[in-house]
Amino acid sequence: MAKKRLTDIEAATKRILEKKGIHNLEEWQKQKLNERKMLVLQGDDKEWEKSVLDQEMMKVVLDSLKQGGN
C-alpha cells in the first residue's frame, strides 16, 4: 500500500514537531482533534465557534455572488 503523501503544511508541521521530540504526526493530530472535541462538547471553544460561523457566513456570501449578488 502506498504511503499517503503529506501536504506542505503537514510536512512543515511534522519537521517542527520532530525537533520538539514528537515523532508521530498522526497521533499528534488525533490528540489535537480530541482536545478540541472535548472543548466543543463542554461549550468552551470560542475559537471553534468563531471559525464555524465565519465559514457559514462565507458560504452565504459566495452563494450570493454565484447567484448574481442577490
PDB file of N, CA and C in Angstrom:
ATOM      1  N   MET A   1       0.836  -1.172   0.000  1.00  0.00           N
ATOM      2  CA  MET A   1       0.000   0.000   0.000  1.00  0.00           C
ATOM      3  C   MET A   1       0.889   1.247   0.000  1.00  0.00           C
ATOM      4  N   ALA A   2       0.524   2.197  -0.840  1.00  0.00           N
ATOM      5  CA  ALA A   2       1.316   3.418  -0.954  1.00  0.00           C
ATOM      6  C   ALA A   2       1.119   4.305   0.273  1.00  0.00           C
ATOM      7  N   LYS A   3       2.190   4.935   0.689  1.00  0.00           N
ATOM      8  CA  LYS A   3       2.136   5.829   1.840  1.00  0.00           C
ATOM      9  C   LYS A   3       1.489   7.145   1.407  1.00  0.00           C
ATOM     10  N   LYS A   4       0.618   7.680   2.265  1.00  0.00           N
ATOM     11  CA  LYS A   4      -0.058   8.941   1.976  1.00  0.00           C
ATOM     12  C   LYS A   4       0.966  10.064   1.889  1.00  0.00           C
ATOM     13  N   ARG A   5       0.870  10.849   0.838  1.00  0.00           N
ATOM     14  CA  ARG A   5       1.777  11.986   0.673  1.00  0.00           C
ATOM     15  C   ARG A   5       1.303  13.133   1.547  1.00  0.00           C
ATOM     16  N   LEU A   6       2.222  13.722   2.278  1.00  0.00           N
ATOM     17  CA  LEU A   6       1.893  14.828   3.168  1.00  0.00           C
ATOM     18  C   LEU A   6       1.714  16.116   2.380  1.00  0.00           C
ATOM     19  N   THR A   7       0.768  16.937   2.825  1.00  0.00           N
ATOM     20  CA  THR A   7       0.638  18.274   2.251  1.00  0.00           C
ATOM     21  C   THR A   7       1.821  19.108   2.740  1.00  0.00           C
ATOM     22  N   ASP A   8       2.003  20.266   2.159  1.00  0.00           N
ATOM     23  CA  ASP A   8       3.102  21.145   2.576  1.00  0.00           C
ATOM     24  C   ASP A   8       2.986  21.512   4.050  1.00  0.00           C
ATOM     25  N   ILE A   9       1.766  21.827   4.503  1.00  0.00           N
ATOM     26  CA  ILE A   9       1.596  22.222   5.901  1.00  0.00           C
ATOM     27  C   ILE A   9       1.825  21.036   6.832  1.00  0.00           C
ATOM     28  N   GLU A  10       1.421  19.840   6.412  1.00  0.00           N
ATOM     29  CA  GLU A  10       1.671  18.647   7.221  1.00  0.00           C
ATOM     30  C   GLU A  10       3.161  18.356   7.325  1.00  0.00           C
ATOM     31  N   ALA A  11       3.860  18.478   6.203  1.00  0.00           N
ATOM     32  CA  ALA A  11       5.305  18.213   6.196  1.00  0.00           C
ATOM     33  C   ALA A  11       6.045  19.207   7.083  1.00  0.00           C
ATOM     34  N   ALA A  12       5.669  20.479   6.994  1.00  0.00           N
ATOM     35  CA  ALA A  12       6.317  21.503   7.818  1.00  0.00           C
ATOM     36  C   ALA A  12       6.029  21.261   9.298  1.00  0.00           C
ATOM     37  N   THR A  13       4.775  20.940   9.607  1.00  0.00           N
ATOM     38  CA  THR A  13       4.394  20.656  10.994  1.00  0.00           C
ATOM     39  C   THR A  13       5.150  19.450  11.515  1.00  0.00           C
ATOM     40  N   LYS A  14       5.265  18.422  10.696  1.00  0.00           N
ATOM     41  CA  LYS A  14       5.974  17.202  11.109  1.00  0.00           C
ATOM     42  C   LYS A  14       7.431  17.513  11.450  1.00  0.00           C
ATOM     43  N   ARG A  15       8.098  18.315  10.609  1.00  0.00           N
ATOM     44  CA  ARG A  15       9.500  18.674  10.861  1.00  0.00           C
ATOM     45  C   ARG A  15       9.636  19.445  12.173  1.00  0.00           C
ATOM     46  N   ILE A  16       8.730  20.387  12.404  1.00  0.00           N
ATOM     47  CA  ILE A  16       8.786  21.193  13.625  1.00  0.00           C
ATOM     48  C   ILE A  16       8.541  20.318  14.850  1.00  0.00           C
ATOM     49  N   LEU A  17       7.532  19.445  14.762  1.00  0.00           N
ATOM     50  CA  LEU A  17       7.229  18.567  15.893  1.00  0.00           C
ATOM     51  C   LEU A  17       8.374  17.611  16.191  1.00  0.00           C
ATOM     52  N   GLU A  18       9.016  17.102  15.145  1.00  0.00           N
ATOM     53  CA  GLU A  18      10.151  16.198  15.345  1.00  0.00           C
ATOM     54  C   GLU A  18      11.280  16.894  16.101  1.00  0.00           C
ATOM     55  N   LYS A  19      11.488  18.179  15.803  1.00  0.00           N
ATOM     56  CA  LYS A  19      12.506  18.939  16.525  1.00  0.00           C
ATOM     57  C   LYS A  19      12.140  19.090  17.999  1.00  0.00           C
ATOM     58  N   LYS A  20      10.830  19.035  18.289  1.00  0.00           N
ATOM     59  CA  LYS A  20      10.361  19.150  19.668  1.00  0.00           C
ATOM     60  C   LYS A  20      10.227  17.780  20.333  1.00  0.00           C
ATOM     61  N   GLY A  21      10.632  16.723  19.622  1.00  0.00           N
ATOM     62  CA  GLY A  21      10.602  15.383  20.195  1.00  0.00           C
ATOM     63  C   GLY A  21       9.315  14.613  19.964  1.00  0.00           C
ATOM     64  N   ILE A  22       8.436  15.127  19.144  1.00  0.00           N
ATOM     65  CA  ILE A  22       7.176  14.445  18.824  1.00  0.00           C
ATOM     66  C   ILE A  22       7.345  13.826  17.438  1.00  0.00           C
ATOM     67  N   HIS A  23       7.341  12.495  17.384  1.00  0.00           N
ATOM     68  CA  HIS A  23       7.698  11.816  16.136  1.00  0.00           C
ATOM     69  C   HIS A  23       6.534  11.161  15.409  1.00  0.00           C
ATOM     70  N   ASN A  24       5.312  11.331  15.886  1.00  0.00           N
ATOM     71  CA  ASN A  24       4.182  10.711  15.224  1.00  0.00           C
ATOM     72  C   ASN A  24       3.127  11.779  14.922  1.00  0.00           C
ATOM     73  N   LEU A  25       3.116  12.256  13.687  1.00  0.00           N
ATOM     74  CA  LEU A  25       2.196  13.317  13.272  1.00  0.00           C
ATOM     75  C   LEU A  25       0.747  12.870  13.414  1.00  0.00           C
ATOM     76  N   GLU A  26       0.441  11.638  13.014  1.00  0.00           N
ATOM     77  CA  GLU A  26      -0.943  11.154  13.075  1.00  0.00           C
ATOM     78  C   GLU A  26      -1.458  11.122  14.513  1.00  0.00           C
ATOM     79  N   GLU A  27      -0.644  10.663  15.438  1.00  0.00           N
ATOM     80  CA  GLU A  27      -1.053  10.626  16.842  1.00  0.00           C
ATOM     81  C   GLU A  27      -1.239  12.042  17.382  1.00  0.00           C
ATOM     82  N   TRP A  28      -0.354  12.954  17.007  1.00  0.00           N
ATOM     83  CA  TRP A  28      -0.466  14.346  17.431  1.00  0.00           C
ATOM     84  C   TRP A  28      -1.767  14.950  16.907  1.00  0.00           C
ATOM     85  N   GLN A  29      -2.097  14.662  15.618  1.00  0.00           N
ATOM     86  CA  GLN A  29      -3.331  15.174  15.031  1.00  0.00           C
ATOM     87  C   GLN A  29      -4.552  14.638  15.774  1.00  0.00           C
ATOM     88  N   LYS A  30      -4.551  13.330  16.070  1.00  0.00           N
ATOM     89  CA  LYS A  30      -5.669  12.725  16.804  1.00  0.00           C
ATOM     90  C   LYS A  30      -5.827  13.363  18.174  1.00  0.00           C
ATOM     91  N   GLN A  31      -4.704  13.585  18.847  1.00  0.00           N
ATOM     92  CA  GLN A  31      -4.737  14.200  20.177  1.00  0.00           C
ATOM     93  C   GLN A  31      -5.325  15.600  20.110  1.00  0.00           C
ATOM     94  N   LYS A  32      -4.892  16.393  19.122  1.00  0.00           N
ATOM     95  CA  LYS A  32      -5.394  17.760  18.984  1.00  0.00           C
ATOM     96  C   LYS A  32      -6.892  17.760  18.683  1.00  0.00           C
ATOM     97  N   LEU A  33      -7.330  16.849  17.814  1.00  0.00           N
ATOM     98  CA  LEU A  33      -8.759  16.763  17.499  1.00  0.00           C
ATOM     99  C   LEU A  33      -9.562  16.387  18.741  1.00  0.00           C
ATOM    100  N   ASN A  34      -9.059  15.439  19.501  1.00  0.00           N
ATOM    101  CA  ASN A  34      -9.764  15.030  20.720  1.00  0.00           C
ATOM    102  C   ASN A  34      -9.840  16.172  21.731  1.00  0.00           C
ATOM    103  N   GLU A  35      -8.754  16.936  21.861  1.00  0.00           N
ATOM    104  CA  GLU A  35      -8.766  18.086  22.767  1.00  0.00           C
ATOM    105  C   GLU A  35      -9.827  19.097  22.344  1.00  0.00           C
ATOM    106  N   ARG A  36      -9.898  19.377  21.039  1.00  0.00           N
ATOM    107  CA  ARG A  36     -10.884  20.339  20.537  1.00  0.00           C
ATOM    108  C   ARG A  36     -12.302  19.818  20.703  1.00  0.00           C
ATOM    109  N   LYS A  37     -12.499  18.513  20.449  1.00  0.00           N
ATOM    110  CA  LYS A  37     -13.833  17.924  20.610  1.00  0.00           C
ATOM    111  C   LYS A  37     -14.318  18.078  22.043  1.00  0.00           C
ATOM    112  N   MET A  38     -13.426  17.846  22.992  1.00  0.00           N
ATOM    113  CA  MET A  38     -13.812  17.972  24.399  1.00  0.00           C
ATOM    114  C   MET A  38     -14.205  19.413  24.729  1.00  0.00           C
ATOM    115  N   LEU A  39     -13.451  20.375  24.224  1.00  0.00           N
ATOM    116  CA  LEU A  39     -13.788  21.780  24.450  1.00  0.00           C
ATOM    117  C   LEU A  39     -15.124  22.140  23.813  1.00  0.00           C
ATOM    118  N   VAL A  40     -15.361  21.619  22.614  1.00  0.00           N
ATOM    119  CA  VAL A  40     -16.622  21.892  21.922  1.00  0.00           C
ATOM    120  C   VAL A  40     -17.778  21.303  22.719  1.00  0.00           C
ATOM    121  N   LEU A  41     -17.629  20.058  23.156  1.00  0.00           N
ATOM    122  CA  LEU A  41     -18.698  19.409  23.917  1.00  0.00           C
ATOM    123  C   LEU A  41     -18.985  20.122  25.231  1.00  0.00           C
ATOM    124  N   GLN A  42     -17.957  20.717  25.809  1.00  0.00           N
ATOM    125  CA  GLN A  42     -18.118  21.461  27.055  1.00  0.00           C
ATOM    126  C   GLN A  42     -18.639  22.873  26.817  1.00  0.00           C
ATOM    127  N   GLY A  43     -18.650  23.292  25.557  1.00  0.00           N
ATOM    128  CA  GLY A  43     -19.099  24.640  25.230  1.00  0.00           C
ATOM    129  C   GLY A  43     -18.064  25.703  25.515  1.00  0.00           C
ATOM    130  N   ASP A  44     -16.788  25.323  25.595  1.00  0.00           N
ATOM    131  CA  ASP A  44     -15.722  26.255  25.961  1.00  0.00           C
ATOM    132  C   ASP A  44     -14.796  26.645  24.812  1.00  0.00           C
ATOM    133  N   ASP A  45     -15.122  26.282  23.585  1.00  0.00           N
ATOM    134  CA  ASP A  45     -14.199  26.513  22.471  1.00  0.00           C
ATOM    135  C   ASP A  45     -14.679  27.669  21.595  1.00  0.00           C
ATOM    136  N   LYS A  46     -14.409  28.878  22.053  1.00  0.00           N
ATOM    137  CA  LYS A  46     -14.848  30.082  21.327  1.00  0.00           C
ATOM    138  C   LYS A  46     -14.163  30.211  19.967  1.00  0.00           C
ATOM    139  N   GLU A  47     -12.915  29.764  19.864  1.00  0.00           N
ATOM    140  CA  GLU A  47     -12.195  29.814  18.593  1.00  0.00           C
ATOM    141  C   GLU A  47     -12.917  28.954  17.547  1.00  0.00           C
ATOM    142  N   TRP A  48     -13.336  27.758  17.951  1.00  0.00           N
ATOM    143  CA  TRP A  48     -14.050  26.859  17.046  1.00  0.00           C
ATOM    144  C   TRP A  48     -15.386  27.483  16.638  1.00  0.00           C
ATOM    145  N   GLU A  49     -16.094  28.040  17.610  1.00  0.00           N
ATOM    146  CA  GLU A  49     -17.386  28.654  17.316  1.00  0.00           C
ATOM    147  C   GLU A  49     -17.228  29.778  16.290  1.00  0.00           C
ATOM    148  N   LYS A  50     -16.216  30.633  16.483  1.00  0.00           N
ATOM    149  CA  LYS A  50     -15.984  31.738  15.551  1.00  0.00           C
ATOM    150  C   LYS A  50     -15.629  31.211  14.169  1.00  0.00           C
ATOM    151  N   SER A  51     -14.798  30.176  14.125  1.00  0.00           N
ATOM    152  CA  SER A  51     -14.387  29.587  12.855  1.00  0.00           C
ATOM    153  C   SER A  51     -15.594  29.021  12.096  1.00  0.00           C
ATOM    154  N   VAL A  52     -16.452  28.309  12.796  1.00  0.00           N
ATOM    155  CA  VAL A  52     -17.639  27.735  12.159  1.00  0.00           C
ATOM    156  C   VAL A  52     -18.544  28.835  11.628  1.00  0.00           C
ATOM    157  N   LEU A  53     -18.782  29.855  12.447  1.00  0.00           N
ATOM    158  CA  LEU A  53     -19.643  30.949  11.999  1.00  0.00           C
ATOM    159  C   LEU A  53     -19.036  31.692  10.819  1.00  0.00           C
ATOM    160  N   ASP A  54     -17.725  31.928  10.840  1.00  0.00           N
ATOM    161  CA  ASP A  54     -17.053  32.578   9.712  1.00  0.00           C
ATOM    162  C   ASP A  54     -17.219  31.757   8.437  1.00  0.00           C
ATOM    163  N   GLN A  55     -17.048  30.445   8.530  1.00  0.00           N
ATOM    164  CA  GLN A  55     -17.207  29.569   7.368  1.00  0.00           C
ATOM    165  C   GLN A  55     -18.634  29.625   6.832  1.00  0.00           C
ATOM    166  N   GLU A  56     -19.604  29.586   7.722  1.00  0.00           N
ATOM    167  CA  GLU A  56     -21.002  29.623   7.292  1.00  0.00           C
ATOM    168  C   GLU A  56     -21.339  30.959   6.634  1.00  0.00           C
ATOM    169  N   MET A  57     -20.804  32.063   7.182  1.00  0.00           N
ATOM    170  CA  MET A  57     -21.054  33.373   6.587  1.00  0.00           C
ATOM    171  C   MET A  57     -20.391  33.475   5.212  1.00  0.00           C
ATOM    172  N   MET A  58     -19.190  32.891   5.066  1.00  0.00           N
ATOM    173  CA  MET A  58     -18.523  32.897   3.761  1.00  0.00           C
ATOM    174  C   MET A  58     -19.349  32.141   2.735  1.00  0.00           C
ATOM    175  N   LYS A  59     -19.952  31.021   3.143  1.00  0.00           N
ATOM    176  CA  LYS A  59     -20.795  30.249   2.236  1.00  0.00           C
ATOM    177  C   LYS A  59     -21.974  31.082   1.752  1.00  0.00           C
ATOM    178  N   VAL A  60     -22.596  31.826   2.662  1.00  0.00           N
ATOM    179  CA  VAL A  60     -23.731  32.671   2.299  1.00  0.00           C
ATOM    180  C   VAL A  60     -23.297  33.724   1.282  1.00  0.00           C
ATOM    181  N   VAL A  61     -22.161  34.373   1.543  1.00  0.00           N
ATOM    182  CA  VAL A  61     -21.662  35.417   0.644  1.00  0.00           C
ATOM    183  C   VAL A  61     -21.312  34.817  -0.723  1.00  0.00           C
ATOM    184  N   LEU A  62     -20.618  33.682  -0.736  1.00  0.00           N
ATOM    185  CA  LEU A  62     -20.240  33.054  -2.009  1.00  0.00           C
ATOM    186  C   LEU A  62     -21.461  32.598  -2.795  1.00  0.00           C
ATOM    187  N   ASP A  63     -22.440  32.032  -2.115  1.00  0.00           N
ATOM    188  CA  ASP A  63     -23.664  31.615  -2.794  1.00  0.00           C
ATOM    189  C   ASP A  63     -24.367  32.822  -3.411  1.00  0.00           C
ATOM    190  N   SER A  64     -24.373  33.927  -2.675  1.00  0.00           N
ATOM    191  CA  SER A  64     -24.995  35.155  -3.180  1.00  0.00           C
ATOM    192  C   SER A  64     -24.259  35.656  -4.423  1.00  0.00           C
ATOM    193  N   LEU A  65     -22.927  35.619  -4.379  1.00  0.00           N
ATOM    194  CA  LEU A  65     -22.139  36.063  -5.542  1.00  0.00           C
ATOM    195  C   LEU A  65     -22.389  35.167  -6.747  1.00  0.00           C
ATOM    196  N   LYS A  66     -22.482  33.867  -6.506  1.00  0.00           N
ATOM    197  CA  LYS A  66     -22.750  32.916  -7.599  1.00  0.00           C
ATOM    198  C   LYS A  66     -24.099  33.191  -8.240  1.00  0.00           C
ATOM    199  N   GLN A  67     -25.054  33.672  -7.446  1.00  0.00           N
ATOM    200  CA  GLN A  67     -26.406  33.937  -7.950  1.00  0.00           C
ATOM    201  C   GLN A  67     -26.563  35.372  -8.457  1.00  0.00           C
ATOM    202  N   GLY A  68     -25.471  36.050  -8.644  1.00  0.00           N
ATOM    203  CA  GLY A  68     -25.504  37.390  -9.204  1.00  0.00           C
ATOM    204  C   GLY A  68     -25.590  38.493  -8.176  1.00  0.00           C
ATOM    205  N   GLY A  69     -25.230  38.208  -6.942  1.00  0.00           N
ATOM    206  CA  GLY A  69     -25.190  39.242  -5.921  1.00  0.00           C
ATOM    207  C   GLY A  69     -26.500  39.529  -5.238  1.00  0.00           C
ATOM    208  N   ASN A  70     -27.471  38.663  -5.399  1.00  0.00           N
ATOM    209  CA  ASN A  70     -28.781  38.871  -4.758  1.00  0.00           C
ATOM    210  C   ASN A  70     -28.757  38.527  -3.303  1.00  0.00           C
TER     211      ASN A  70
END
